[in-house]
Structures are given as structure tokens and as C-alpha cells.
């Protein structure tokens, strides 16, 4: 993880983009009043999004299992075509 101020990032944009895409670096751009920004590769972003979706799905499954254990489930007959 690299922290760099806005002016340095602007003056060296290509180099920092290359660090993010080629080396997997996360770049924190520091700005006034703590309005910081993070730059990362699309690959890293997609991985984070996938992990978040998986975590939400697992949470949903766990809530469902908990409801079943508490007797809040319902039984349905399978419909054959």
C-alpha cells in the first residue's frame, strides 16, 4: 500500500496506474479534509466485489439455517413436471 498526495499522483499518474495494475499495489491519494481516494486495479476491485457478494450470501444462508433450527421453516411438496 502506497500513500501519495494529490499533486504527486497527478504528476505521475501513469507510473502509479502501472504500480496498481502491474504490481497489485493499492494507492491511497491523500487530499485535504480527509477526502482521500483509493486507486486499485480492476482485477483487485472485482475480487473484492466477489468476496463481498459471497459474504452476503453466506450470511443469508446462516440466517436461513438459524430460522430452520428455531422451527420457523415450512415444508413444501416437490412439484413434478
C-alpha atoms as a PDB file:
ATOM      1  CA  UNK A   1       0.000   0.000   0.000  1.00  0.00           C
ATOM      2  CA  UNK A   2       1.360   3.363  -1.051  1.00  0.00           C
ATOM      3  CA  UNK A   3       0.156   6.764   0.145  1.00  0.00           C
ATOM      4  CA  UNK A   4       0.769   9.734  -2.125  1.00  0.00           C
ATOM      5  CA  UNK A   5      -0.576  13.268  -2.187  1.00  0.00           C
ATOM      6  CA  UNK A   6      -2.848  14.524  -4.951  1.00  0.00           C
ATOM      7  CA  UNK A   7      -0.226  16.625  -6.729  1.00  0.00           C
ATOM      8  CA  UNK A   8       2.324  13.801  -6.849  1.00  0.00           C
ATOM      9  CA  UNK A   9      -0.330  11.423  -8.174  1.00  0.00           C
ATOM     10  CA  UNK A  10      -1.395  13.884 -10.850  1.00  0.00           C
ATOM     11  CA  UNK A  11       2.201  14.488 -11.951  1.00  0.00           C
ATOM     12  CA  UNK A  12       2.998  10.755 -12.077  1.00  0.00           C
ATOM     13  CA  UNK A  13      -0.360   9.235 -12.977  1.00  0.00           C
ATOM     14  CA  UNK A  14       0.953   6.640 -15.436  1.00  0.00           C
ATOM     15  CA  UNK A  15       3.580   5.331 -13.024  1.00  0.00           C
ATOM     16  CA  UNK A  16       1.063   4.936 -10.197  1.00  0.00           C
ATOM     17  CA  UNK A  17      -1.505   3.309 -12.500  1.00  0.00           C
ATOM     18  CA  UNK A  18       1.195   0.876 -13.614  1.00  0.00           C
ATOM     19  CA  UNK A  19       2.004   0.073  -9.974  1.00  0.00           C
ATOM     20  CA  UNK A  20      -1.665  -0.687  -9.356  1.00  0.00           C
ATOM     21  CA  UNK A  21      -2.194  -2.826 -12.457  1.00  0.00           C
ATOM     22  CA  UNK A  22       1.211  -4.492 -12.840  1.00  0.00           C
ATOM     23  CA  UNK A  23       2.268  -4.913  -9.202  1.00  0.00           C
ATOM     24  CA  UNK A  24      -1.107  -5.135  -7.467  1.00  0.00           C
ATOM     25  CA  UNK A  25      -0.350  -2.079  -5.341  1.00  0.00           C
ATOM     26  CA  UNK A  26      -3.120  -0.159  -3.637  1.00  0.00           C
ATOM     27  CA  UNK A  27      -2.577   3.591  -3.924  1.00  0.00           C
ATOM     28  CA  UNK A  28      -4.077   5.966  -1.370  1.00  0.00           C
ATOM     29  CA  UNK A  29      -4.343   9.512  -2.665  1.00  0.00           C
ATOM     30  CA  UNK A  30      -4.314  11.875   0.297  1.00  0.00           C
ATOM     31  CA  UNK A  31      -6.341  15.058  -0.009  1.00  0.00           C
ATOM     32  CA  UNK A  32      -7.315  17.953   2.216  1.00  0.00           C
ATOM     33  CA  UNK A  33     -10.001  17.472   4.867  1.00  0.00           C
ATOM     34  CA  UNK A  34      -9.545  13.664   4.806  1.00  0.00           C
ATOM     35  CA  UNK A  35     -11.265  13.332   1.417  1.00  0.00           C
ATOM     36  CA  UNK A  36      -8.862  10.552   0.480  1.00  0.00           C
ATOM     37  CA  UNK A  37      -9.271   8.282  -2.528  1.00  0.00           C
ATOM     38  CA  UNK A  38      -8.060   4.731  -3.210  1.00  0.00           C
ATOM     39  CA  UNK A  39      -6.804   3.503  -6.585  1.00  0.00           C
ATOM     40  CA  UNK A  40      -6.575  -0.204  -7.265  1.00  0.00           C
ATOM     41  CA  UNK A  41      -6.623  -2.443 -10.316  1.00  0.00           C
ATOM     42  CA  UNK A  42      -9.899  -3.606 -11.791  1.00  0.00           C
ATOM     43  CA  UNK A  43      -8.828  -7.167 -11.004  1.00  0.00           C
ATOM     44  CA  UNK A  44      -8.451  -6.321  -7.301  1.00  0.00           C
ATOM     45  CA  UNK A  45     -11.759  -4.451  -7.315  1.00  0.00           C
ATOM     46  CA  UNK A  46     -13.581  -7.400  -8.897  1.00  0.00           C
ATOM     47  CA  UNK A  47     -12.079  -9.770  -6.310  1.00  0.00           C
ATOM     48  CA  UNK A  48     -13.284  -7.519  -3.500  1.00  0.00           C
ATOM     49  CA  UNK A  49     -16.769  -7.325  -5.000  1.00  0.00           C
ATOM     50  CA  UNK A  50     -16.907 -11.123  -5.327  1.00  0.00           C
ATOM     51  CA  UNK A  51     -15.821 -11.592  -1.705  1.00  0.00           C
ATOM     52  CA  UNK A  52     -18.489  -9.151  -0.568  1.00  0.00           C
ATOM     53  CA  UNK A  53     -21.215 -10.962  -2.554  1.00  0.00           C
ATOM     54  CA  UNK A  54     -20.054 -14.300  -1.136  1.00  0.00           C
ATOM     55  CA  UNK A  55     -20.086 -12.943   2.415  1.00  0.00           C
ATOM     56  CA  UNK A  56     -23.626 -11.612   1.948  1.00  0.00           C
ATOM     57  CA  UNK A  57     -24.774 -14.945   0.508  1.00  0.00           C
ATOM     58  CA  UNK A  58     -23.222 -16.917   3.376  1.00  0.00           C
ATOM     59  CA  UNK A  59     -24.883 -14.573   5.866  1.00  0.00           C
ATOM     60  CA  UNK A  60     -28.228 -15.163   4.183  1.00  0.00           C
ATOM     61  CA  UNK A  61     -27.716 -18.938   4.356  1.00  0.00           C
ATOM     62  CA  UNK A  62     -26.799 -18.768   8.033  1.00  0.00           C
ATOM     63  CA  UNK A  63     -29.913 -16.723   8.803  1.00  0.00           C
ATOM     64  CA  UNK A  64     -31.983 -19.345   6.987  1.00  0.00           C
ATOM     65  CA  UNK A  65     -30.389 -22.211   8.920  1.00  0.00           C
ATOM     66  CA  UNK A  66     -30.992 -20.372  12.170  1.00  0.00           C
ATOM     67  CA  UNK A  67     -34.659 -19.921  11.277  1.00  0.00           C
ATOM     68  CA  UNK A  68     -34.962 -23.634  10.488  1.00  0.00           C
ATOM     69  CA  UNK A  69     -33.401 -24.560  13.840  1.00  0.00           C
ATOM     70  CA  UNK A  70     -35.875 -22.242  15.562  1.00  0.00           C
ATOM     71  CA  UNK A  71     -38.741 -24.068  13.877  1.00  0.00           C
ATOM     72  CA  UNK A  72     -39.657 -21.199  11.586  1.00  0.00           C
ATOM     73  CA  UNK A  73     -39.355 -23.188   8.358  1.00  0.00           C
ATOM     74  CA  UNK A  74     -42.174 -24.501   6.211  1.00  0.00           C
ATOM     75  CA  UNK A  75     -42.397 -27.817   4.359  1.00  0.00           C
ATOM     76  CA  UNK A  76     -43.309 -27.791   0.665  1.00  0.00           C
ATOM     77  CA  UNK A  77     -44.050 -30.727  -1.601  1.00  0.00           C
ATOM     78  CA  UNK A  78     -41.933 -31.071  -4.708  1.00  0.00           C
ATOM     79  CA  UNK A  79     -43.845 -30.490  -7.909  1.00  0.00           C
ATOM     80  CA  UNK A  80     -43.040 -32.997 -10.633  1.00  0.00           C
ATOM     81  CA  UNK A  81     -43.290 -31.946 -14.285  1.00  0.00           C
END
